[in-house]
Amino acid sequence: DGLGTLLCRAHGFYPKEIDVTWRKDGEVRQEDTFRGVVSPNQDGTYYTWLSIEIDPKERSRYRCRVEHDGLQEPVDVAVEESVPVWLIAVGVIVGVLVVLIVAGVIFY
């Protein structure tokens, strides 16, 4: 088979509506994509995930894009050959959380 799996997670966002997509060379990929449901956290925020099966040799051609009302602009995270997938997921999570915390402080 030889396929690998990329995982993109978004945690700690509010409101619930969010758009998470995988892009290959800039184009949205639906094929071989698996989407987790948007689920509540205990603190009233939400989390979700999106995975895609790929040829590991093409990792660098993929990006995870997160679009949310709490973000001023979409967050794109590139998949680097030498970066573990878990680190990419952490980067997306941290990026979303930082923006939401800043937005919460500004609007509170």
PDB file of N, CA and C in Angstrom:
ATOM      1  N   ASP A   1       0.838  -1.197   0.000  1.00  0.00           N
ATOM      2  CA  ASP A   1       0.000   0.000   0.000  1.00  0.00           C
ATOM      3  C   ASP A   1       0.872   1.246   0.000  1.00  0.00           C
ATOM      4  N   GLY A   2       1.768   1.406   0.972  1.00  0.00           N
ATOM      5  CA  GLY A   2       2.719   2.499   0.965  1.00  0.00           C
ATOM      6  C   GLY A   2       2.168   3.877   1.220  1.00  0.00           C
ATOM      7  N   LEU A   3       0.921   3.991   1.679  1.00  0.00           N
ATOM      8  CA  LEU A   3       0.340   5.304   1.940  1.00  0.00           C
ATOM      9  C   LEU A   3       0.691   5.769   3.344  1.00  0.00           C
ATOM     10  N   GLY A   4       0.757   7.080   3.504  1.00  0.00           N
ATOM     11  CA  GLY A   4       0.940   7.694   4.807  1.00  0.00           C
ATOM     12  C   GLY A   4      -0.284   8.517   5.135  1.00  0.00           C
ATOM     13  N   THR A   5      -0.421   8.901   6.388  1.00  0.00           N
ATOM     14  CA  THR A   5      -1.564   9.702   6.816  1.00  0.00           C
ATOM     15  C   THR A   5      -1.080  11.014   7.407  1.00  0.00           C
ATOM     16  N   LEU A   6      -1.662  12.112   6.947  1.00  0.00           N
ATOM     17  CA  LEU A   6      -1.424  13.429   7.539  1.00  0.00           C
ATOM     18  C   LEU A   6      -2.634  13.768   8.393  1.00  0.00           C
ATOM     19  N   LEU A   7      -2.403  14.384   9.529  1.00  0.00           N
ATOM     20  CA  LEU A   7      -3.477  14.736  10.453  1.00  0.00           C
ATOM     21  C   LEU A   7      -3.385  16.212  10.802  1.00  0.00           C
ATOM     22  N   CYS A   8      -4.506  16.895  10.698  1.00  0.00           N
ATOM     23  CA  CYS A   8      -4.585  18.309  11.068  1.00  0.00           C
ATOM     24  C   CYS A   8      -5.651  18.432  12.150  1.00  0.00           C
ATOM     25  N   ARG A   9      -5.309  19.049  13.273  1.00  0.00           N
ATOM     26  CA  ARG A   9      -6.246  19.210  14.386  1.00  0.00           C
ATOM     27  C   ARG A   9      -6.422  20.684  14.706  1.00  0.00           C
ATOM     28  N   ALA A  10      -7.634  21.034  15.074  1.00  0.00           N
ATOM     29  CA  ALA A  10      -7.922  22.394  15.548  1.00  0.00           C
ATOM     30  C   ALA A  10      -8.622  22.260  16.891  1.00  0.00           C
ATOM     31  N   HIS A  11      -8.088  22.918  17.906  1.00  0.00           N
ATOM     32  CA  HIS A  11      -8.625  22.842  19.267  1.00  0.00           C
ATOM     33  C   HIS A  11      -8.885  24.237  19.815  1.00  0.00           C
ATOM     34  N   GLY A  12      -9.840  24.347  20.712  1.00  0.00           N
ATOM     35  CA  GLY A  12     -10.041  25.577  21.466  1.00  0.00           C
ATOM     36  C   GLY A  12     -10.659  26.712  20.688  1.00  0.00           C
ATOM     37  N   PHE A  13     -11.459  26.412  19.673  1.00  0.00           N
ATOM     38  CA  PHE A  13     -12.064  27.492  18.892  1.00  0.00           C
ATOM     39  C   PHE A  13     -13.531  27.682  19.273  1.00  0.00           C
ATOM     40  N   TYR A  14     -14.013  28.895  19.073  1.00  0.00           N
ATOM     41  CA  TYR A  14     -15.401  29.277  19.315  1.00  0.00           C
ATOM     42  C   TYR A  14     -15.683  30.486  18.440  1.00  0.00           C
ATOM     43  N   PRO A  15     -16.781  30.548  17.746  1.00  0.00           N
ATOM     44  CA  PRO A  15     -17.922  29.635  17.722  1.00  0.00           C
ATOM     45  C   PRO A  15     -17.605  28.323  17.003  1.00  0.00           C
ATOM     46  N   LYS A  16     -18.613  27.455  16.950  1.00  0.00           N
ATOM     47  CA  LYS A  16     -18.457  26.076  16.480  1.00  0.00           C
ATOM     48  C   LYS A  16     -18.098  25.962  15.001  1.00  0.00           C
ATOM     49  N   GLU A  17     -18.572  26.883  14.183  1.00  0.00           N
ATOM     50  CA  GLU A  17     -18.368  26.781  12.736  1.00  0.00           C
ATOM     51  C   GLU A  17     -16.893  26.968  12.392  1.00  0.00           C
ATOM     52  N   ILE A  18     -16.360  26.034  11.621  1.00  0.00           N
ATOM     53  CA  ILE A  18     -14.953  26.071  11.218  1.00  0.00           C
ATOM     54  C   ILE A  18     -14.823  25.330   9.888  1.00  0.00           C
ATOM     55  N   ASP A  19     -13.855  25.741   9.101  1.00  0.00           N
ATOM     56  CA  ASP A  19     -13.587  25.057   7.838  1.00  0.00           C
ATOM     57  C   ASP A  19     -12.124  24.627   7.842  1.00  0.00           C
ATOM     58  N   VAL A  20     -11.896  23.320   7.839  1.00  0.00           N
ATOM     59  CA  VAL A  20     -10.545  22.765   7.802  1.00  0.00           C
ATOM     60  C   VAL A  20     -10.429  21.955   6.517  1.00  0.00           C
ATOM     61  N   THR A  21      -9.421  22.255   5.706  1.00  0.00           N
ATOM     62  CA  THR A  21      -9.245  21.538   4.440  1.00  0.00           C
ATOM     63  C   THR A  21      -7.786  21.163   4.234  1.00  0.00           C
ATOM     64  N   TRP A  22      -7.587  20.089   3.492  1.00  0.00           N
ATOM     65  CA  TRP A  22      -6.264  19.742   2.996  1.00  0.00           C
ATOM     66  C   TRP A  22      -6.162  20.259   1.577  1.00  0.00           C
ATOM     67  N   ARG A  23      -5.011  20.846   1.242  1.00  0.00           N
ATOM     68  CA  ARG A  23      -4.759  21.340  -0.111  1.00  0.00           C
ATOM     69  C   ARG A  23      -3.469  20.723  -0.626  1.00  0.00           C
ATOM     70  N   LYS A  24      -3.534  20.309  -1.876  1.00  0.00           N
ATOM     71  CA  LYS A  24      -2.337  19.792  -2.547  1.00  0.00           C
ATOM     72  C   LYS A  24      -2.043  20.736  -3.702  1.00  0.00           C
ATOM     73  N   ASP A  25      -0.884  21.356  -3.651  1.00  0.00           N
ATOM     74  CA  ASP A  25      -0.504  22.345  -4.667  1.00  0.00           C
ATOM     75  C   ASP A  25      -1.566  23.434  -4.795  1.00  0.00           C
ATOM     76  N   GLY A  26      -2.169  23.825  -3.673  1.00  0.00           N
ATOM     77  CA  GLY A  26      -3.142  24.917  -3.654  1.00  0.00           C
ATOM     78  C   GLY A  26      -4.576  24.524  -3.922  1.00  0.00           C
ATOM     79  N   GLU A  27      -4.828  23.286  -4.336  1.00  0.00           N
ATOM     80  CA  GLU A  27      -6.188  22.855  -4.655  1.00  0.00           C
ATOM     81  C   GLU A  27      -6.752  21.990  -3.536  1.00  0.00           C
ATOM     82  N   VAL A  28      -8.012  22.262  -3.170  1.00  0.00           N
ATOM     83  CA  VAL A  28      -8.671  21.509  -2.102  1.00  0.00           C
ATOM     84  C   VAL A  28      -8.769  20.042  -2.492  1.00  0.00           C
ATOM     85  N   ARG A  29      -8.418  19.170  -1.549  1.00  0.00           N
ATOM     86  CA  ARG A  29      -8.492  17.724  -1.767  1.00  0.00           C
ATOM     87  C   ARG A  29      -9.592  17.133  -0.890  1.00  0.00           C
ATOM     88  N   GLN A  30     -10.564  16.493  -1.508  1.00  0.00           N
ATOM     89  CA  GLN A  30     -11.627  15.794  -0.786  1.00  0.00           C
ATOM     90  C   GLN A  30     -11.373  14.287  -0.779  1.00  0.00           C
ATOM     91  N   GLU A  31     -10.757  13.799  -1.856  1.00  0.00           N
ATOM     92  CA  GLU A  31     -10.505  12.371  -2.001  1.00  0.00           C
ATOM     93  C   GLU A  31      -9.530  11.888  -0.930  1.00  0.00           C
ATOM     94  N   ASP A  32      -9.819  10.728  -0.351  1.00  0.00           N
ATOM     95  CA  ASP A  32      -8.982  10.117   0.689  1.00  0.00           C
ATOM     96  C   ASP A  32      -8.898  10.966   1.948  1.00  0.00           C
ATOM     97  N   THR A  33      -9.880  11.855   2.149  1.00  0.00           N
ATOM     98  CA  THR A  33      -9.925  12.723   3.321  1.00  0.00           C
ATOM     99  C   THR A  33     -10.974  12.210   4.294  1.00  0.00           C
ATOM    100  N   PHE A  34     -10.628  12.210   5.571  1.00  0.00           N
ATOM    101  CA  PHE A  34     -11.539  11.778   6.627  1.00  0.00           C
ATOM    102  C   PHE A  34     -11.684  12.914   7.626  1.00  0.00           C
ATOM    103  N   ARG A  35     -12.934  13.269   7.922  1.00  0.00           N
ATOM    104  CA  ARG A  35     -13.226  14.431   8.757  1.00  0.00           C
ATOM    105  C   ARG A  35     -13.843  13.990  10.081  1.00  0.00           C
ATOM    106  N   GLY A  36     -13.275  14.472  11.183  1.00  0.00           N
ATOM    107  CA  GLY A  36     -13.875  14.245  12.488  1.00  0.00           C
ATOM    108  C   GLY A  36     -14.999  15.240  12.703  1.00  0.00           C
ATOM    109  N   VAL A  37     -15.939  14.882  13.548  1.00  0.00           N
ATOM    110  CA  VAL A  37     -17.024  15.815  13.847  1.00  0.00           C
ATOM    111  C   VAL A  37     -16.488  16.933  14.737  1.00  0.00           C
ATOM    112  N   VAL A  38     -17.121  18.093  14.668  1.00  0.00           N
ATOM    113  CA  VAL A  38     -16.772  19.191  15.564  1.00  0.00           C
ATOM    114  C   VAL A  38     -17.405  18.859  16.909  1.00  0.00           C
ATOM    115  N   SER A  39     -16.567  18.743  17.942  1.00  0.00           N
ATOM    116  CA  SER A  39     -17.023  18.295  19.255  1.00  0.00           C
ATOM    117  C   SER A  39     -16.711  19.341  20.316  1.00  0.00           C
ATOM    118  N   PRO A  40     -17.539  19.397  21.380  1.00  0.00           N
ATOM    119  CA  PRO A  40     -17.311  20.389  22.433  1.00  0.00           C
ATOM    120  C   PRO A  40     -16.215  19.968  23.412  1.00  0.00           C
ATOM    121  N   ASN A  41     -15.463  20.951  23.879  1.00  0.00           N
ATOM    122  CA  ASN A  41     -14.543  20.780  25.000  1.00  0.00           C
ATOM    123  C   ASN A  41     -15.302  21.136  26.272  1.00  0.00           C
ATOM    124  N   GLN A  42     -14.756  20.821  27.428  1.00  0.00           N
ATOM    125  CA  GLN A  42     -15.413  21.134  28.697  1.00  0.00           C
ATOM    126  C   GLN A  42     -15.499  22.635  28.960  1.00  0.00           C
ATOM    127  N   ASP A  43     -14.620  23.421  28.343  1.00  0.00           N
ATOM    128  CA  ASP A  43     -14.612  24.867  28.590  1.00  0.00           C
ATOM    129  C   ASP A  43     -15.525  25.650  27.651  1.00  0.00           C
ATOM    130  N   GLY A  44     -16.324  24.950  26.837  1.00  0.00           N
ATOM    131  CA  GLY A  44     -17.253  25.630  25.936  1.00  0.00           C
ATOM    132  C   GLY A  44     -16.692  25.897  24.551  1.00  0.00           C
ATOM    133  N   THR A  45     -15.414  25.607  24.344  1.00  0.00           N
ATOM    134  CA  THR A  45     -14.834  25.725  23.011  1.00  0.00           C
ATOM    135  C   THR A  45     -15.010  24.393  22.281  1.00  0.00           C
ATOM    136  N   TYR A  46     -14.483  24.304  21.075  1.00  0.00           N
ATOM    137  CA  TYR A  46     -14.667  23.112  20.249  1.00  0.00           C
ATOM    138  C   TYR A  46     -13.340  22.612  19.700  1.00  0.00           C
ATOM    139  N   TYR A  47     -13.371  21.372  19.220  1.00  0.00           N
ATOM    140  CA  TYR A  47     -12.209  20.798  18.542  1.00  0.00           C
ATOM    141  C   TYR A  47     -12.676  19.918  17.393  1.00  0.00           C
ATOM    142  N   THR A  48     -11.787  19.723  16.421  1.00  0.00           N
ATOM    143  CA  THR A  48     -12.059  18.833  15.299  1.00  0.00           C
ATOM    144  C   THR A  48     -10.738  18.394  14.690  1.00  0.00           C
ATOM    145  N   TRP A  49     -10.809  17.497  13.741  1.00  0.00           N
ATOM    146  CA  TRP A  49      -9.611  17.023  13.050  1.00  0.00           C
ATOM    147  C   TRP A  49      -9.957  16.648  11.620  1.00  0.00           C
ATOM    148  N   LEU A  50      -8.920  16.589  10.805  1.00  0.00           N
ATOM    149  CA  LEU A  50      -9.061  16.205   9.405  1.00  0.00           C
ATOM    150  C   LEU A  50      -7.801  15.434   9.015  1.00  0.00           C
ATOM    151  N   SER A  51      -7.984  14.259   8.418  1.00  0.00           N
ATOM    152  CA  SER A  51      -6.821  13.489   7.977  1.00  0.00           C
ATOM    153  C   SER A  51      -6.934  13.205   6.487  1.00  0.00           C
ATOM    154  N   ILE A  52      -5.809  12.865   5.904  1.00  0.00           N
ATOM    155  CA  ILE A  52      -5.778  12.513   4.488  1.00  0.00           C
ATOM    156  C   ILE A  52      -4.698  11.461   4.274  1.00  0.00           C
ATOM    157  N   GLU A  53      -4.995  10.495   3.424  1.00  0.00           N
ATOM    158  CA  GLU A  53      -4.010   9.479   3.058  1.00  0.00           C
ATOM    159  C   GLU A  53      -3.272   9.951   1.811  1.00  0.00           C
ATOM    160  N   ILE A  54      -1.945   9.878   1.880  1.00  0.00           N
ATOM    161  CA  ILE A  54      -1.123  10.404   0.783  1.00  0.00           C
ATOM    162  C   ILE A  54       0.036   9.462   0.476  1.00  0.00           C
ATOM    163  N   ASP A  55       0.664   9.719  -0.644  1.00  0.00           N
ATOM    164  CA  ASP A  55       1.946   9.103  -0.960  1.00  0.00           C
ATOM    165  C   ASP A  55       2.989   9.891  -0.157  1.00  0.00           C
ATOM    166  N   PRO A  56       3.710   9.239   0.755  1.00  0.00           N
ATOM    167  CA  PRO A  56       4.669   9.964   1.602  1.00  0.00           C
ATOM    168  C   PRO A  56       5.692  10.788   0.822  1.00  0.00           C
ATOM    169  N   LYS A  57       5.969  10.424  -0.411  1.00  0.00           N
ATOM    170  CA  LYS A  57       6.933  11.174  -1.218  1.00  0.00           C
ATOM    171  C   LYS A  57       6.394  12.544  -1.611  1.00  0.00           C
ATOM    172  N   GLU A  58       5.084  12.746  -1.469  1.00  0.00           N
ATOM    173  CA  GLU A  58       4.460  14.012  -1.872  1.00  0.00           C
ATOM    174  C   GLU A  58       4.074  14.888  -0.679  1.00  0.00           C
ATOM    175  N   ARG A  59       4.575  14.569   0.504  1.00  0.00           N
ATOM    176  CA  ARG A  59       4.216  15.314   1.721  1.00  0.00           C
ATOM    177  C   ARG A  59       4.361  16.824   1.566  1.00  0.00           C
ATOM    178  N   SER A  60       5.450  17.257   0.969  1.00  0.00           N
ATOM    179  CA  SER A  60       5.736  18.692   0.889  1.00  0.00           C
ATOM    180  C   SER A  60       4.749  19.445  -0.001  1.00  0.00           C
ATOM    181  N   ARG A  61       3.914  18.741  -0.730  1.00  0.00           N
ATOM    182  CA  ARG A  61       2.937  19.385  -1.619  1.00  0.00           C
ATOM    183  C   ARG A  61       1.625  19.697  -0.904  1.00  0.00           C
ATOM    184  N   TYR A  62       1.500  19.286   0.354  1.00  0.00           N
ATOM    185  CA  TYR A  62       0.246  19.436   1.097  1.00  0.00           C
ATOM    186  C   TYR A  62       0.318  20.554   2.123  1.00  0.00           C
ATOM    187  N   ARG A  63      -0.841  21.188   2.325  1.00  0.00           N
ATOM    188  CA  ARG A  63      -1.010  22.197   3.368  1.00  0.00           C
ATOM    189  C   ARG A  63      -2.359  21.977   4.031  1.00  0.00           C
ATOM    190  N   CYS A  64      -2.395  22.225   5.318  1.00  0.00           N
ATOM    191  CA  CYS A  64      -3.663  22.214   6.041  1.00  0.00           C
ATOM    192  C   CYS A  64      -4.115  23.663   6.176  1.00  0.00           C
ATOM    193  N   ARG A  65      -5.358  23.941   5.801  1.00  0.00           N
ATOM    194  CA  ARG A  65      -5.896  25.300   5.904  1.00  0.00           C
ATOM    195  C   ARG A  65      -7.042  25.307   6.910  1.00  0.00           C
ATOM    196  N   VAL A  66      -6.986  26.267   7.843  1.00  0.00           N
ATOM    197  CA  VAL A  66      -8.041  26.454   8.841  1.00  0.00           C
ATOM    198  C   VAL A  66      -8.630  27.842   8.644  1.00  0.00           C
ATOM    199  N   GLU A  67      -9.955  27.892   8.449  1.00  0.00           N
ATOM    200  CA  GLU A  67     -10.674  29.157   8.330  1.00  0.00           C
ATOM    201  C   GLU A  67     -11.713  29.205   9.443  1.00  0.00           C
ATOM    202  N   HIS A  68     -11.701  30.316  10.202  1.00  0.00           N
ATOM    203  CA  HIS A  68     -12.608  30.459  11.341  1.00  0.00           C
ATOM    204  C   HIS A  68     -12.857  31.941  11.584  1.00  0.00           C
ATOM    205  N   ASP A  69     -14.054  32.261  12.082  1.00  0.00           N
ATOM    206  CA  ASP A  69     -14.402  33.663  12.353  1.00  0.00           C
ATOM    207  C   ASP A  69     -13.459  34.314  13.361  1.00  0.00           C
ATOM    208  N   GLY A  70     -12.836  33.529  14.239  1.00  0.00           N
ATOM    209  CA  GLY A  70     -11.909  34.070  15.226  1.00  0.00           C
ATOM    210  C   GLY A  70     -10.539  34.396  14.660  1.00  0.00           C
ATOM    211  N   LEU A  71     -10.296  34.046  13.415  1.00  0.00           N
ATOM    212  CA  LEU A  71      -9.013  34.317  12.761  1.00  0.00           C
ATOM    213  C   LEU A  71      -9.158  35.496  11.814  1.00  0.00           C
ATOM    214  N   GLN A  72      -8.175  36.377  11.800  1.00  0.00           N
ATOM    215  CA  GLN A  72      -8.216  37.501  10.868  1.00  0.00           C
ATOM    216  C   GLN A  72      -8.034  37.034   9.436  1.00  0.00           C
ATOM    217  N   GLU A  73      -7.283  35.972   9.256  1.00  0.00           N
ATOM    218  CA  GLU A  73      -7.079  35.391   7.928  1.00  0.00           C
ATOM    219  C   GLU A  73      -6.887  33.888   8.108  1.00  0.00           C
ATOM    220  N   PRO A  74      -7.100  33.124   7.047  1.00  0.00           N
ATOM    221  CA  PRO A  74      -6.918  31.671   7.162  1.00  0.00           C
ATOM    222  C   PRO A  74      -5.494  31.319   7.589  1.00  0.00           C
ATOM    223  N   VAL A  75      -5.371  30.224   8.330  1.00  0.00           N
ATOM    224  CA  VAL A  75      -4.069  29.716   8.748  1.00  0.00           C
ATOM    225  C   VAL A  75      -3.713  28.556   7.827  1.00  0.00           C
ATOM    226  N   ASP A  76      -2.577  28.674   7.144  1.00  0.00           N
ATOM    227  CA  ASP A  76      -2.063  27.608   6.281  1.00  0.00           C
ATOM    228  C   ASP A  76      -0.812  27.033   6.927  1.00  0.00           C
ATOM    229  N   VAL A  77      -0.784  25.724   7.080  1.00  0.00           N
ATOM    230  CA  VAL A  77       0.386  25.067   7.645  1.00  0.00           C
ATOM    231  C   VAL A  77       0.951  24.123   6.598  1.00  0.00           C
ATOM    232  N   ALA A  78       2.192  24.381   6.202  1.00  0.00           N
ATOM    233  CA  ALA A  78       2.850  23.535   5.203  1.00  0.00           C
ATOM    234  C   ALA A  78       3.369  22.272   5.866  1.00  0.00           C
ATOM    235  N   VAL A  79       3.363  21.201   5.124  1.00  0.00           N
ATOM    236  CA  VAL A  79       3.924  19.936   5.584  1.00  0.00           C
ATOM    237  C   VAL A  79       5.347  19.860   5.062  1.00  0.00           C
ATOM    238  N   GLU A  80       6.293  19.828   5.969  1.00  0.00           N
ATOM    239  CA  GLU A  80       7.702  19.755   5.589  1.00  0.00           C
ATOM    240  C   GLU A  80       8.170  18.311   5.659  1.00  0.00           C
ATOM    241  N   GLU A  81       9.106  17.956   4.824  1.00  0.00           N
ATOM    242  CA  GLU A  81       9.625  16.585   4.796  1.00  0.00           C
ATOM    243  C   GLU A  81      10.201  16.159   6.143  1.00  0.00           C
ATOM    244  N   SER A  82      10.883  17.056   6.826  1.00  0.00           N
ATOM    245  CA  SER A  82      11.586  16.671   8.047  1.00  0.00           C
ATOM    246  C   SER A  82      10.788  16.941   9.320  1.00  0.00           C
ATOM    247  N   VAL A  83       9.585  17.456   9.203  1.00  0.00           N
ATOM    248  CA  VAL A  83       8.791  17.796  10.377  1.00  0.00           C
ATOM    249  C   VAL A  83       7.793  16.680  10.661  1.00  0.00           C
ATOM    250  N   PRO A  84       7.782  16.134  11.882  1.00  0.00           N
ATOM    251  CA  PRO A  84       6.800  15.103  12.214  1.00  0.00           C
ATOM    252  C   PRO A  84       5.377  15.652  12.128  1.00  0.00           C
ATOM    253  N   VAL A  85       4.447  14.791  11.743  1.00  0.00           N
ATOM    254  CA  VAL A  85       3.053  15.204  11.594  1.00  0.00           C
ATOM    255  C   VAL A  85       2.500  15.763  12.899  1.00  0.00           C
ATOM    256  N   TRP A  86       2.887  15.189  14.039  1.00  0.00           N
ATOM    257  CA  TRP A  86       2.354  15.677  15.313  1.00  0.00           C
ATOM    258  C   TRP A  86       2.769  17.124  15.556  1.00  0.00           C
ATOM    259  N   LEU A  87       3.934  17.502  15.074  1.00  0.00           N
ATOM    260  CA  LEU A  87       4.392  18.872  15.257  1.00  0.00           C
ATOM    261  C   LEU A  87       3.563  19.842  14.421  1.00  0.00           C
ATOM    262  N   ILE A  88       3.147  19.420  13.256  1.00  0.00           N
ATOM    263  CA  ILE A  88       2.278  20.247  12.415  1.00  0.00           C
ATOM    264  C   ILE A  88       0.947  20.472  13.117  1.00  0.00           C
ATOM    265  N   ALA A  89       0.393  19.400  13.676  1.00  0.00           N
ATOM    266  CA  ALA A  89      -0.873  19.513  14.402  1.00  0.00           C
ATOM    267  C   ALA A  89      -0.729  20.484  15.571  1.00  0.00           C
ATOM    268  N   VAL A  90       0.373  20.397  16.293  1.00  0.00           N
ATOM    269  CA  VAL A  90       0.612  21.307  17.413  1.00  0.00           C
ATOM    270  C   VAL A  90       0.699  22.745  16.907  1.00  0.00           C
ATOM    271  N   GLY A  91       1.351  22.965  15.778  1.00  0.00           N
ATOM    272  CA  GLY A  91       1.461  24.316  15.217  1.00  0.00           C
ATOM    273  C   GLY A  91       0.110  24.914  14.889  1.00  0.00           C
ATOM    274  N   VAL A  92      -0.761  24.121  14.300  1.00  0.00           N
ATOM    275  CA  VAL A  92      -2.107  24.608  13.978  1.00  0.00           C
ATOM    276  C   VAL A  92      -2.869  24.918  15.257  1.00  0.00           C
ATOM    277  N   ILE A  93      -2.788  24.031  16.233  1.00  0.00           N
ATOM    278  CA  ILE A  93      -3.493  24.228  17.499  1.00  0.00           C
ATOM    279  C   ILE A  93      -3.017  25.508  18.178  1.00  0.00           C
ATOM    280  N   VAL A  94      -1.720  25.678  18.277  1.00  0.00           N
ATOM    281  CA  VAL A  94      -1.162  26.864  18.932  1.00  0.00           C
ATOM    282  C   VAL A  94      -1.573  28.128  18.181  1.00  0.00           C
ATOM    283  N   GLY A  95      -1.512  28.096  16.862  1.00  0.00           N
ATOM    284  CA  GLY A  95      -1.901  29.268  16.074  1.00  0.00           C
ATOM    285  C   GLY A  95      -3.344  29.670  16.306  1.00  0.00           C
ATOM    286  N   VAL A  96      -4.242  28.704  16.286  1.00  0.00           N
ATOM    287  CA  VAL A  96      -5.662  28.993  16.508  1.00  0.00           C
ATOM    288  C   VAL A  96      -5.883  29.499  17.926  1.00  0.00           C
ATOM    289  N   LEU A  97      -5.259  28.863  18.912  1.00  0.00           N
ATOM    290  CA  LEU A  97      -5.438  29.283  20.302  1.00  0.00           C
ATOM    291  C   LEU A  97      -4.932  30.701  20.544  1.00  0.00           C
ATOM    292  N   VAL A  98      -3.776  31.032  19.996  1.00  0.00           N
ATOM    293  CA  VAL A  98      -3.224  32.377  20.185  1.00  0.00           C
ATOM    294  C   VAL A  98      -4.166  33.428  19.615  1.00  0.00           C
ATOM    295  N   VAL A  99      -4.652  33.197  18.418  1.00  0.00           N
ATOM    296  CA  VAL A  99      -5.565  34.159  17.796  1.00  0.00           C
ATOM    297  C   VAL A  99      -6.847  34.280  18.607  1.00  0.00           C
ATOM    298  N   LEU A 100      -7.378  33.163  19.073  1.00  0.00           N
ATOM    299  CA  LEU A 100      -8.627  33.207  19.839  1.00  0.00           C
ATOM    300  C   LEU A 100      -8.438  33.873  21.199  1.00  0.00           C
ATOM    301  N   ILE A 101      -7.303  33.644  21.836  1.00  0.00           N
ATOM    302  CA  ILE A 101      -7.032  34.300  23.117  1.00  0.00           C
ATOM    303  C   ILE A 101      -6.919  35.805  22.920  1.00  0.00           C
ATOM    304  N   VAL A 102      -6.189  36.218  21.905  1.00  0.00           N
ATOM    305  CA  VAL A 102      -6.055  37.651  21.614  1.00  0.00           C
ATOM    306  C   VAL A 102      -7.422  38.251  21.301  1.00  0.00           C
ATOM    307  N   ALA A 103      -8.212  37.557  20.484  1.00  0.00           N
ATOM    308  CA  ALA A 103      -9.547  38.052  20.148  1.00  0.00           C
ATOM    309  C   ALA A 103     -10.418  38.129  21.394  1.00  0.00           C
ATOM    310  N   GLY A 104     -10.301  37.149  22.283  1.00  0.00           N
ATOM    311  CA  GLY A 104     -11.082  37.155  23.518  1.00  0.00           C
ATOM    312  C   GLY A 104     -10.720  38.327  24.414  1.00  0.00           C
ATOM    313  N   VAL A 105      -9.435  38.642  24.509  1.00  0.00           N
ATOM    314  CA  VAL A 105      -8.988  39.770  25.329  1.00  0.00           C
ATOM    315  C   VAL A 105      -9.473  41.086  24.727  1.00  0.00           C
ATOM    316  N   ILE A 106      -9.393  41.207  23.418  1.00  0.00           N
ATOM    317  CA  ILE A 106      -9.801  42.443  22.747  1.00  0.00           C
ATOM    318  C   ILE A 106     -11.299  42.678  22.879  1.00  0.00           C
ATOM    319  N   PHE A 107     -12.092  41.627  22.687  1.00  0.00           N
ATOM    320  CA  PHE A 107     -13.540  41.783  22.669  1.00  0.00           C
ATOM    321  C   PHE A 107     -14.191  41.602  24.032  1.00  0.00           C
ATOM    322  N   TYR A 108     -13.434  41.248  25.060  1.00  0.00           N
ATOM    323  CA  TYR A 108     -13.988  41.064  26.390  1.00  0.00           C
ATOM    324  C   TYR A 108     -14.027  42.366  27.101  1.00  0.00           C
TER     325      TYR A 108
END
